[in-house]
Amino acid sequence: MSQIVGRDCVRCARRGVTLTEVVVAATLLAVAVVPLLRALTVAQATGAMVERKTQSLILAQGTLDEIRARALHHYESSFRKDSETLVGGYLCNVTDDQAPNLRRVTVAVGFDANGNGHLSGDEVEVTLTTCIARR
């Protein structure tokens, strides 16, 4: 009986993880991790885009509020701006049709991605339009 127990103990000692099992496990982990890393990269890029659009929206709304406030006392003056620097690399374009009684004002804001100091069409993140009436 002691010999059978001895043989079982030898088999137990030989049990473990083989090189094949390690390679298979590592391959499975690598296959699972690659899509996860891609998803994290896409999520980070999407988060940065949402942050830029949100900041652009806040700046565009603030610019429209300033224009409305100025229009109360200076309706005749032009509100037009080209590539005005705002905050942190954001630029603003304002168009104004200068109609005598009801003006259409459009504000376009975006991040100056190429750093040239000019807001081009592909850099615009948000465009807001409003009408301002003479009072």
Protein backbone atom coordinates (compact mmCIF):
# COMPACT_ATOMS: atom_id res chain seq x y z
CA MET A 1 0.00 0.00 0.00
CA SER A 2 2.85 2.36 0.68
CA GLN A 3 4.09 1.92 -2.91
CA ILE A 4 0.76 3.06 -4.41
CA VAL A 5 0.73 6.15 -2.26
CA GLY A 6 4.29 6.85 -3.31
CA ARG A 7 3.42 6.63 -7.00
CA ASP A 8 0.44 8.96 -6.58
CA CYS A 9 2.67 11.48 -4.85
CA VAL A 10 5.14 11.35 -7.73
CA ARG A 11 2.31 12.02 -10.18
CA CYS A 12 1.11 14.91 -8.00
CA ALA A 13 4.58 16.40 -7.98
CA ARG A 14 4.74 16.21 -11.78
CA ARG A 15 1.42 18.01 -12.18
CA GLY A 16 1.77 21.69 -13.09
CA VAL A 17 1.48 24.05 -15.95
CA THR A 18 3.03 22.95 -19.19
CA LEU A 19 4.65 25.27 -21.67
CA THR A 20 1.80 24.65 -24.11
CA GLU A 21 -0.76 25.72 -21.51
CA VAL A 22 1.22 28.89 -20.80
CA VAL A 23 1.43 29.75 -24.50
CA VAL A 24 -2.31 29.15 -24.99
CA ALA A 25 -3.19 31.28 -21.96
CA ALA A 26 -0.90 34.10 -23.07
CA THR A 27 -2.39 34.00 -26.58
CA LEU A 28 -5.92 34.18 -25.20
CA LEU A 29 -4.99 37.15 -23.02
CA ALA A 30 -3.35 38.95 -25.93
CA VAL A 31 -6.40 38.36 -28.12
CA ALA A 32 -8.64 39.75 -25.38
CA VAL A 33 -6.44 42.76 -24.53
CA VAL A 34 -6.01 44.13 -28.08
CA PRO A 35 -9.72 44.99 -28.61
CA LEU A 36 -9.86 46.40 -25.10
CA LEU A 37 -6.94 48.73 -25.80
CA ARG A 38 -8.55 49.81 -29.09
CA ALA A 39 -11.79 50.57 -27.28
CA LEU A 40 -9.95 52.65 -24.68
CA THR A 41 -8.17 54.60 -27.42
CA VAL A 42 -11.45 55.32 -29.21
CA ALA A 43 -13.07 56.34 -25.92
CA GLN A 44 -10.24 58.76 -25.18
CA ALA A 45 -10.46 60.34 -28.64
CA THR A 46 -14.24 60.64 -28.33
CA GLY A 47 -13.88 62.24 -24.91
CA ALA A 48 -11.44 64.82 -26.26
CA MET A 49 -13.81 65.62 -29.14
CA VAL A 50 -16.77 66.04 -26.78
CA GLU A 51 -14.67 68.28 -24.54
CA ARG A 52 -13.69 70.52 -27.50
CA LYS A 53 -17.30 70.77 -28.66
CA THR A 54 -18.56 71.55 -25.18
CA GLN A 55 -15.94 74.27 -24.67
CA SER A 56 -16.76 75.69 -28.12
CA LEU A 57 -20.47 75.78 -27.26
CA ILE A 58 -19.82 77.59 -23.99
CA LEU A 59 -17.60 80.17 -25.72
CA ALA A 60 -20.08 80.66 -28.59
CA GLN A 61 -22.96 81.23 -26.16
CA GLY A 62 -20.86 83.70 -24.17
CA THR A 63 -19.97 85.61 -27.36
CA LEU A 64 -23.65 85.79 -28.36
CA ASP A 65 -24.54 87.07 -24.89
CA GLU A 66 -21.90 89.82 -25.20
CA ILE A 67 -23.24 90.82 -28.63
CA ARG A 68 -26.82 90.98 -27.34
CA ALA A 69 -25.69 93.17 -24.45
CA ARG A 70 -23.78 95.54 -26.77
CA ALA A 71 -26.72 95.69 -29.18
CA LEU A 72 -28.89 97.32 -26.54
CA HIS A 73 -26.85 100.55 -26.69
CA HIS A 74 -24.82 100.18 -29.91
CA TYR A 75 -27.18 98.55 -32.41
CA GLU A 76 -25.68 100.41 -35.36
CA SER A 77 -22.11 99.17 -34.83
CA SER A 78 -20.87 96.05 -36.61
CA PHE A 79 -20.46 92.86 -34.62
CA ARG A 80 -18.37 91.14 -37.30
CA LYS A 81 -15.16 89.41 -36.16
CA ASP A 82 -12.67 87.22 -38.00
CA SER A 83 -10.63 84.64 -36.10
CA GLU A 84 -10.83 86.48 -32.78
CA THR A 85 -8.76 84.74 -30.11
CA LEU A 86 -10.83 83.53 -27.20
CA VAL A 87 -9.42 81.21 -24.51
CA GLY A 88 -6.90 78.38 -24.73
CA GLY A 89 -6.46 78.23 -28.49
CA TYR A 90 -10.13 78.69 -29.40
CA LEU A 91 -11.05 81.15 -32.13
CA CYS A 92 -14.30 82.85 -33.08
CA ASN A 93 -15.82 84.15 -36.33
CA VAL A 94 -18.87 86.41 -36.17
CA THR A 95 -20.93 87.33 -39.21
CA ASP A 96 -23.48 90.14 -39.13
CA ASP A 97 -25.88 91.08 -41.91
CA GLN A 98 -26.34 94.61 -40.41
CA ALA A 99 -30.02 94.81 -41.33
CA PRO A 100 -31.61 98.05 -40.11
CA ASN A 101 -34.31 96.57 -37.83
CA LEU A 102 -33.61 92.84 -37.45
CA ARG A 103 -30.01 91.64 -37.66
CA ARG A 104 -28.98 88.06 -38.19
CA VAL A 105 -25.78 87.28 -36.25
CA THR A 106 -23.90 83.98 -36.56
CA VAL A 107 -21.11 82.92 -34.23
CA ALA A 108 -18.74 80.08 -35.20
CA VAL A 109 -16.24 78.81 -32.62
CA GLY A 110 -13.59 76.13 -32.86
CA PHE A 111 -10.15 75.07 -31.73
CA ASP A 112 -7.18 76.32 -33.77
CA ALA A 113 -5.81 72.83 -34.42
CA ASN A 114 -3.10 73.87 -36.86
CA GLY A 115 -2.03 76.91 -34.81
CA ASN A 116 -2.13 79.39 -37.70
CA GLY A 117 -4.35 81.92 -35.90
CA HIS A 118 -7.12 81.54 -38.48
CA LEU A 119 -10.37 79.64 -37.91
CA SER A 120 -10.99 77.58 -41.03
CA GLY A 121 -14.17 75.70 -41.88
CA ASP A 122 -12.83 72.31 -40.82
CA GLU A 123 -11.83 73.66 -37.39
CA VAL A 124 -15.32 75.01 -36.54
CA GLU A 125 -16.90 72.94 -33.77
CA VAL A 126 -20.08 74.95 -33.06
CA THR A 127 -22.14 77.48 -35.01
CA LEU A 128 -24.93 79.46 -33.34
CA THR A 129 -27.25 81.92 -35.10
CA THR A 130 -29.62 84.45 -33.58
CA CYS A 131 -31.61 87.49 -34.63
CA ILE A 132 -31.32 90.79 -32.78
CA ALA A 133 -34.08 93.38 -33.09
CA ARG A 134 -33.70 97.15 -32.78
CA ARG A 135 -35.26 98.43 -29.57
